[in-house]
Amino acid sequence: MKGTYLLIMKLPKKTSLMVGKLGVIQFKKGWYVYVGSALNGLYQRIQRHLRTEKKVHWHIDYLLPFIEIVDIFYKENDQKEECTIAQVLERNFTHIPGFGCSDCSCKSHLFHGSYQEIIQEAKTLQMRSSLLDANS
């Protein structure tokens, strides 16, 4: 399956992290949504994000050990749609500059906001909840 996904995550406390070439980023406590795509295996990409043992490859890999993934939304598609979705999220949420978008011209692929607003936006984007159990 090919498609785009959203990781809905909760950061329990304010955290400072070195994130690759972006440098140190100050993350506020609260709710985050990360948008990504996988045109060569959506299920496998999400499974990778859920694993604790993995090589740090993407910006999100620096944040995942400190955050809890509480839900996953996805949308099947054959074309890369993550930038279009990121632009929609950018209009409604605070973005973390440069995060997850080193291969495109987006401002970010990671956003901070309220849980309810993030969930509502995912539904508005016609994404389905929980491709798999985020707690497995």
N, C-alpha and C. Protein backbone atom coordinates (compact mmCIF):
# COMPACT_ATOMS: atom_id res chain seq x y z
N MET A 1 0.84 -1.18 0.00
CA MET A 1 0.00 0.00 0.00
C MET A 1 0.89 1.25 0.00
N LYS A 2 0.52 2.22 -0.80
CA LYS A 2 1.22 3.50 -0.87
C LYS A 2 0.34 4.56 -0.25
N GLY A 3 0.96 5.61 0.30
CA GLY A 3 0.14 6.68 0.85
C GLY A 3 0.85 7.68 1.72
N THR A 4 0.02 8.46 2.39
CA THR A 4 0.47 9.52 3.28
C THR A 4 -0.06 9.21 4.68
N TYR A 5 0.69 9.60 5.69
CA TYR A 5 0.28 9.30 7.07
C TYR A 5 0.53 10.48 7.99
N LEU A 6 -0.20 10.47 9.09
CA LEU A 6 0.00 11.42 10.17
C LEU A 6 0.28 10.64 11.44
N LEU A 7 1.34 11.02 12.13
CA LEU A 7 1.61 10.48 13.47
C LEU A 7 1.11 11.52 14.46
N ILE A 8 0.17 11.14 15.30
CA ILE A 8 -0.34 12.03 16.34
C ILE A 8 0.41 11.66 17.61
N MET A 9 1.12 12.63 18.18
CA MET A 9 2.06 12.33 19.26
C MET A 9 1.89 13.28 20.44
N LYS A 10 2.23 12.77 21.60
CA LYS A 10 2.18 13.58 22.82
C LYS A 10 3.58 13.64 23.44
N LEU A 11 4.04 14.86 23.68
CA LEU A 11 5.33 15.08 24.36
C LEU A 11 5.01 15.45 25.80
N PRO A 12 5.42 14.63 26.78
CA PRO A 12 5.01 14.84 28.17
C PRO A 12 5.64 16.05 28.86
N LYS A 13 6.78 16.51 28.36
CA LYS A 13 7.42 17.67 28.99
C LYS A 13 8.25 18.43 27.96
N LYS A 14 8.49 19.68 28.25
CA LYS A 14 9.33 20.51 27.40
C LYS A 14 10.68 19.81 27.22
N THR A 15 11.17 19.76 25.99
CA THR A 15 12.37 19.00 25.70
C THR A 15 13.25 19.74 24.70
N SER A 16 14.56 19.75 24.94
CA SER A 16 15.54 20.29 24.00
C SER A 16 16.26 19.13 23.36
N LEU A 17 16.30 19.13 22.02
CA LEU A 17 16.95 18.04 21.31
C LEU A 17 17.83 18.54 20.18
N MET A 18 18.94 17.86 19.98
CA MET A 18 19.76 18.09 18.80
C MET A 18 19.14 17.25 17.69
N VAL A 19 18.74 17.90 16.61
CA VAL A 19 18.06 17.22 15.51
C VAL A 19 18.90 17.39 14.24
N GLY A 20 19.82 16.46 14.05
CA GLY A 20 20.64 16.46 12.84
C GLY A 20 21.24 17.82 12.53
N LYS A 21 21.18 18.20 11.26
CA LYS A 21 21.73 19.48 10.80
C LYS A 21 20.88 20.68 11.20
N LEU A 22 19.67 20.43 11.72
CA LEU A 22 18.83 21.53 12.17
C LEU A 22 19.36 22.15 13.45
N GLY A 23 20.15 21.39 14.20
CA GLY A 23 20.68 21.87 15.47
C GLY A 23 19.74 21.60 16.62
N VAL A 24 19.88 22.38 17.68
CA VAL A 24 19.06 22.18 18.87
C VAL A 24 17.70 22.83 18.66
N ILE A 25 16.67 22.06 18.95
CA ILE A 25 15.29 22.55 18.86
C ILE A 25 14.64 22.41 20.22
N GLN A 26 13.94 23.46 20.62
CA GLN A 26 13.17 23.47 21.86
C GLN A 26 11.75 23.03 21.53
N PHE A 27 11.33 21.89 22.05
CA PHE A 27 9.98 21.39 21.83
C PHE A 27 9.13 21.68 23.06
N LYS A 28 7.99 22.31 22.84
CA LYS A 28 7.05 22.57 23.93
C LYS A 28 6.35 21.27 24.32
N LYS A 29 5.96 21.19 25.57
CA LYS A 29 5.12 20.09 26.03
C LYS A 29 3.82 20.15 25.23
N GLY A 30 3.26 18.97 24.93
CA GLY A 30 1.95 18.98 24.29
C GLY A 30 1.83 18.05 23.09
N TRP A 31 0.91 18.39 22.20
CA TRP A 31 0.53 17.54 21.08
C TRP A 31 1.20 17.96 19.79
N TYR A 32 1.63 16.95 19.04
CA TYR A 32 2.30 17.17 17.76
C TYR A 32 1.69 16.27 16.70
N VAL A 33 1.77 16.73 15.47
CA VAL A 33 1.38 15.89 14.33
C VAL A 33 2.50 15.98 13.29
N TYR A 34 2.93 14.82 12.85
CA TYR A 34 3.99 14.71 11.84
C TYR A 34 3.38 14.12 10.58
N VAL A 35 3.64 14.72 9.44
CA VAL A 35 3.12 14.22 8.17
C VAL A 35 4.26 13.62 7.35
N GLY A 36 4.02 12.43 6.83
CA GLY A 36 5.02 11.75 6.00
C GLY A 36 4.33 10.98 4.90
N SER A 37 5.15 10.44 4.00
CA SER A 37 4.58 9.61 2.94
C SER A 37 5.46 8.38 2.75
N ALA A 38 4.85 7.38 2.15
CA ALA A 38 5.57 6.14 1.87
C ALA A 38 5.00 5.58 0.57
N LEU A 39 5.74 5.75 -0.49
CA LEU A 39 5.28 5.26 -1.78
C LEU A 39 5.83 3.88 -2.09
N ASN A 40 6.58 3.33 -1.13
CA ASN A 40 7.09 1.96 -1.27
C ASN A 40 6.77 1.13 -0.04
N GLY A 41 5.61 1.32 0.54
CA GLY A 41 5.23 0.51 1.69
C GLY A 41 4.81 1.34 2.88
N LEU A 42 3.56 1.76 2.89
CA LEU A 42 3.03 2.58 3.97
C LEU A 42 3.06 1.84 5.31
N TYR A 43 2.60 0.62 5.32
CA TYR A 43 2.58 -0.17 6.55
C TYR A 43 3.99 -0.32 7.13
N GLN A 44 4.95 -0.64 6.28
CA GLN A 44 6.33 -0.84 6.74
C GLN A 44 6.93 0.46 7.29
N ARG A 45 6.62 1.59 6.66
CA ARG A 45 7.15 2.86 7.15
C ARG A 45 6.59 3.17 8.53
N ILE A 46 5.31 2.97 8.72
CA ILE A 46 4.71 3.25 10.02
C ILE A 46 5.27 2.28 11.07
N GLN A 47 5.43 1.03 10.70
CA GLN A 47 6.02 0.04 11.62
C GLN A 47 7.42 0.49 12.05
N ARG A 48 8.19 1.03 11.11
CA ARG A 48 9.53 1.52 11.44
C ARG A 48 9.46 2.63 12.49
N HIS A 49 8.53 3.56 12.32
CA HIS A 49 8.38 4.65 13.28
C HIS A 49 8.03 4.11 14.67
N LEU A 50 7.30 3.02 14.73
CA LEU A 50 6.88 2.45 16.01
C LEU A 50 7.97 1.65 16.71
N ARG A 51 8.98 1.19 15.96
CA ARG A 51 10.07 0.43 16.57
C ARG A 51 10.94 1.32 17.43
N THR A 52 11.44 0.77 18.52
CA THR A 52 12.35 1.53 19.37
C THR A 52 13.80 1.37 18.92
N GLU A 53 14.13 0.23 18.35
CA GLU A 53 15.49 -0.02 17.88
C GLU A 53 15.56 0.23 16.38
N LYS A 54 16.26 1.30 16.01
CA LYS A 54 16.44 1.63 14.60
C LYS A 54 17.56 2.64 14.45
N LYS A 55 18.12 2.69 13.27
CA LYS A 55 19.13 3.69 12.93
C LYS A 55 18.44 5.04 12.76
N VAL A 56 19.05 6.09 13.29
CA VAL A 56 18.51 7.44 13.13
C VAL A 56 18.75 7.86 11.68
N HIS A 57 17.65 8.10 10.96
CA HIS A 57 17.74 8.44 9.54
C HIS A 57 17.03 9.76 9.24
N TRP A 58 15.81 9.93 9.74
CA TRP A 58 15.02 11.12 9.48
C TRP A 58 14.94 11.99 10.73
N HIS A 59 14.54 13.25 10.55
CA HIS A 59 14.38 14.15 11.69
C HIS A 59 13.47 13.55 12.76
N ILE A 60 12.40 12.91 12.34
CA ILE A 60 11.44 12.35 13.29
C ILE A 60 12.09 11.29 14.19
N ASP A 61 13.12 10.62 13.70
CA ASP A 61 13.80 9.60 14.49
C ASP A 61 14.47 10.18 15.74
N TYR A 62 14.84 11.45 15.70
CA TYR A 62 15.44 12.10 16.88
C TYR A 62 14.39 12.36 17.96
N LEU A 63 13.16 12.62 17.55
CA LEU A 63 12.09 12.97 18.48
C LEU A 63 11.36 11.76 19.05
N LEU A 64 11.24 10.70 18.27
CA LEU A 64 10.42 9.55 18.67
C LEU A 64 10.76 8.93 20.03
N PRO A 65 12.01 8.87 20.46
CA PRO A 65 12.27 8.28 21.78
C PRO A 65 11.69 9.09 22.95
N PHE A 66 11.32 10.33 22.72
CA PHE A 66 10.86 11.21 23.79
C PHE A 66 9.35 11.46 23.76
N ILE A 67 8.69 10.89 22.78
CA ILE A 67 7.30 11.20 22.50
C ILE A 67 6.48 9.91 22.45
N GLU A 68 5.20 10.00 22.72
CA GLU A 68 4.32 8.84 22.62
C GLU A 68 3.42 9.00 21.40
N ILE A 69 3.43 8.02 20.50
CA ILE A 69 2.51 8.03 19.37
C ILE A 69 1.17 7.51 19.89
N VAL A 70 0.14 8.35 19.81
CA VAL A 70 -1.16 7.97 20.35
C VAL A 70 -2.17 7.60 19.26
N ASP A 71 -1.93 8.03 18.05
CA ASP A 71 -2.81 7.66 16.95
C ASP A 71 -2.06 7.83 15.64
N ILE A 72 -2.57 7.14 14.64
CA ILE A 72 -1.99 7.21 13.31
C ILE A 72 -3.15 7.35 12.33
N PHE A 73 -3.05 8.32 11.45
CA PHE A 73 -4.04 8.48 10.39
C PHE A 73 -3.32 8.24 9.07
N TYR A 74 -4.05 7.74 8.09
CA TYR A 74 -3.43 7.48 6.80
C TYR A 74 -4.41 7.69 5.68
N LYS A 75 -3.86 7.84 4.49
CA LYS A 75 -4.64 8.01 3.28
C LYS A 75 -3.89 7.29 2.17
N GLU A 76 -4.55 6.36 1.53
CA GLU A 76 -3.93 5.66 0.41
C GLU A 76 -3.89 6.58 -0.81
N ASN A 77 -2.74 6.62 -1.47
CA ASN A 77 -2.61 7.37 -2.71
C ASN A 77 -1.34 6.94 -3.42
N ASP A 78 -1.32 7.12 -4.72
CA ASP A 78 -0.16 6.74 -5.53
C ASP A 78 0.82 7.89 -5.73
N GLN A 79 0.39 9.09 -5.38
CA GLN A 79 1.24 10.27 -5.56
C GLN A 79 1.60 10.85 -4.20
N LYS A 80 2.74 11.47 -4.14
CA LYS A 80 3.20 12.10 -2.90
C LYS A 80 2.29 13.28 -2.55
N GLU A 81 1.60 13.17 -1.44
CA GLU A 81 0.64 14.19 -1.02
C GLU A 81 1.05 14.87 0.29
N GLU A 82 2.20 14.48 0.86
CA GLU A 82 2.56 15.00 2.18
C GLU A 82 2.76 16.51 2.18
N CYS A 83 3.28 17.09 1.12
CA CYS A 83 3.50 18.54 1.09
C CYS A 83 2.18 19.30 1.04
N THR A 84 1.23 18.79 0.30
CA THR A 84 -0.10 19.41 0.24
C THR A 84 -0.74 19.39 1.62
N ILE A 85 -0.64 18.26 2.30
CA ILE A 85 -1.19 18.14 3.65
C ILE A 85 -0.43 19.03 4.63
N ALA A 86 0.89 19.09 4.50
CA ALA A 86 1.69 19.95 5.37
C ALA A 86 1.28 21.41 5.22
N GLN A 87 0.98 21.84 4.02
CA GLN A 87 0.55 23.22 3.79
C GLN A 87 -0.80 23.50 4.47
N VAL A 88 -1.69 22.52 4.47
CA VAL A 88 -2.97 22.67 5.16
C VAL A 88 -2.72 22.78 6.68
N LEU A 89 -1.88 21.89 7.21
CA LEU A 89 -1.58 21.90 8.64
C LEU A 89 -0.90 23.20 9.05
N GLU A 90 -0.07 23.73 8.19
CA GLU A 90 0.66 24.97 8.48
C GLU A 90 -0.30 26.14 8.70
N ARG A 91 -1.42 26.12 8.03
CA ARG A 91 -2.40 27.22 8.17
C ARG A 91 -3.09 27.18 9.54
N ASN A 92 -3.10 26.01 10.17
CA ASN A 92 -3.88 25.85 11.39
C ASN A 92 -3.08 25.58 12.66
N PHE A 93 -1.80 25.28 12.50
CA PHE A 93 -0.99 24.90 13.66
C PHE A 93 0.37 25.59 13.61
N THR A 94 1.04 25.61 14.76
CA THR A 94 2.40 26.13 14.85
C THR A 94 3.34 25.12 14.22
N HIS A 95 4.22 25.59 13.34
CA HIS A 95 5.16 24.65 12.71
C HIS A 95 6.53 24.73 13.37
N ILE A 96 7.26 23.63 13.29
CA ILE A 96 8.62 23.56 13.80
C ILE A 96 9.51 23.73 12.57
N PRO A 97 10.15 24.89 12.42
CA PRO A 97 10.86 25.26 11.18
C PRO A 97 11.87 24.20 10.71
N GLY A 98 11.73 23.82 9.45
CA GLY A 98 12.67 22.93 8.79
C GLY A 98 12.53 21.46 9.11
N PHE A 99 11.66 21.10 10.05
CA PHE A 99 11.58 19.73 10.53
C PHE A 99 10.90 18.83 9.50
N GLY A 100 11.63 17.80 9.08
CA GLY A 100 11.08 16.77 8.20
C GLY A 100 10.89 17.18 6.75
N CYS A 101 11.45 18.31 6.37
CA CYS A 101 11.20 18.80 5.01
C CYS A 101 12.49 19.20 4.29
N SER A 102 13.56 18.50 4.55
CA SER A 102 14.83 18.84 3.91
C SER A 102 14.84 18.49 2.42
N ASP A 103 13.86 17.68 1.97
CA ASP A 103 13.81 17.29 0.57
C ASP A 103 12.69 18.00 -0.20
N CYS A 104 12.13 19.08 0.38
CA CYS A 104 11.07 19.82 -0.30
C CYS A 104 11.15 21.29 0.11
N SER A 105 10.21 22.09 -0.34
CA SER A 105 10.23 23.52 -0.02
C SER A 105 9.23 23.91 1.06
N CYS A 106 8.66 22.93 1.76
CA CYS A 106 7.73 23.21 2.86
C CYS A 106 8.46 23.88 4.02
N LYS A 107 7.70 24.59 4.84
CA LYS A 107 8.27 25.18 6.05
C LYS A 107 8.53 24.13 7.10
N SER A 108 7.70 23.08 7.12
CA SER A 108 7.83 22.02 8.11
C SER A 108 6.91 20.86 7.76
N HIS A 109 7.21 19.71 8.38
CA HIS A 109 6.29 18.57 8.33
C HIS A 109 5.93 18.14 9.75
N LEU A 110 6.26 18.99 10.74
CA LEU A 110 5.91 18.74 12.14
C LEU A 110 5.21 19.98 12.70
N PHE A 111 4.06 19.72 13.36
CA PHE A 111 3.24 20.82 13.83
C PHE A 111 2.78 20.57 15.26
N HIS A 112 2.56 21.67 15.98
CA HIS A 112 2.15 21.64 17.38
C HIS A 112 0.77 22.27 17.49
N GLY A 113 -0.13 21.63 18.25
CA GLY A 113 -1.46 22.18 18.45
C GLY A 113 -2.24 21.38 19.46
N SER A 114 -3.52 21.64 19.55
CA SER A 114 -4.35 20.89 20.50
C SER A 114 -4.74 19.55 19.90
N TYR A 115 -4.91 18.57 20.76
CA TYR A 115 -5.27 17.22 20.33
C TYR A 115 -6.56 17.23 19.51
N GLN A 116 -7.59 17.87 20.03
CA GLN A 116 -8.89 17.88 19.36
C GLN A 116 -8.79 18.52 17.97
N GLU A 117 -8.07 19.62 17.86
CA GLU A 117 -7.93 20.29 16.56
C GLU A 117 -7.13 19.44 15.57
N ILE A 118 -6.11 18.74 16.06
CA ILE A 118 -5.32 17.86 15.18
C ILE A 118 -6.20 16.73 14.66
N ILE A 119 -6.96 16.10 15.55
CA ILE A 119 -7.84 14.99 15.14
C ILE A 119 -8.89 15.49 14.15
N GLN A 120 -9.47 16.64 14.43
CA GLN A 120 -10.49 17.20 13.52
C GLN A 120 -9.88 17.47 12.15
N GLU A 121 -8.68 18.00 12.11
CA GLU A 121 -8.03 18.29 10.83
C GLU A 121 -7.75 17.01 10.06
N ALA A 122 -7.32 15.97 10.74
CA ALA A 122 -7.07 14.68 10.08
C ALA A 122 -8.35 14.16 9.44
N LYS A 123 -9.45 14.29 10.14
CA LYS A 123 -10.75 13.85 9.60
C LYS A 123 -11.18 14.73 8.42
N THR A 124 -10.94 16.03 8.54
CA THR A 124 -11.27 16.95 7.45
C THR A 124 -10.46 16.60 6.19
N LEU A 125 -9.24 16.13 6.38
CA LEU A 125 -8.38 15.73 5.26
C LEU A 125 -8.76 14.35 4.70
N GLN A 126 -9.83 13.79 5.24
CA GLN A 126 -10.36 12.49 4.81
C GLN A 126 -9.34 11.36 4.99
N MET A 127 -8.64 11.43 6.12
CA MET A 127 -7.68 10.38 6.46
C MET A 127 -8.35 9.41 7.42
N ARG A 128 -7.96 8.16 7.32
CA ARG A 128 -8.53 7.10 8.18
C ARG A 128 -7.66 6.95 9.42
N SER A 129 -8.31 6.66 10.52
CA SER A 129 -7.60 6.47 11.77
C SER A 129 -7.05 5.06 11.90
N SER A 130 -5.89 4.96 12.51
CA SER A 130 -5.29 3.70 12.95
C SER A 130 -5.15 2.62 11.90
N LEU A 131 -4.15 2.77 11.08
CA LEU A 131 -3.76 1.72 10.13
C LEU A 131 -3.37 0.47 10.91
N LEU A 132 -2.83 0.69 12.10
CA LEU A 132 -2.44 -0.40 12.99
C LEU A 132 -2.48 0.12 14.40
N ASP A 133 -2.33 -0.73 15.35
CA ASP A 133 -2.36 -0.35 16.76
C ASP A 133 -1.04 0.34 17.11
N ALA A 134 -1.11 1.61 17.44
CA ALA A 134 0.09 2.38 17.77
C ALA A 134 0.78 1.89 19.03
N ASN A 135 0.10 1.11 19.84
CA ASN A 135 0.71 0.64 21.09
C ASN A 135 1.34 -0.73 20.96
N SER A 136 1.37 -1.30 19.77
CA SER A 136 1.95 -2.64 19.62
C SER A 136 3.43 -2.58 19.31
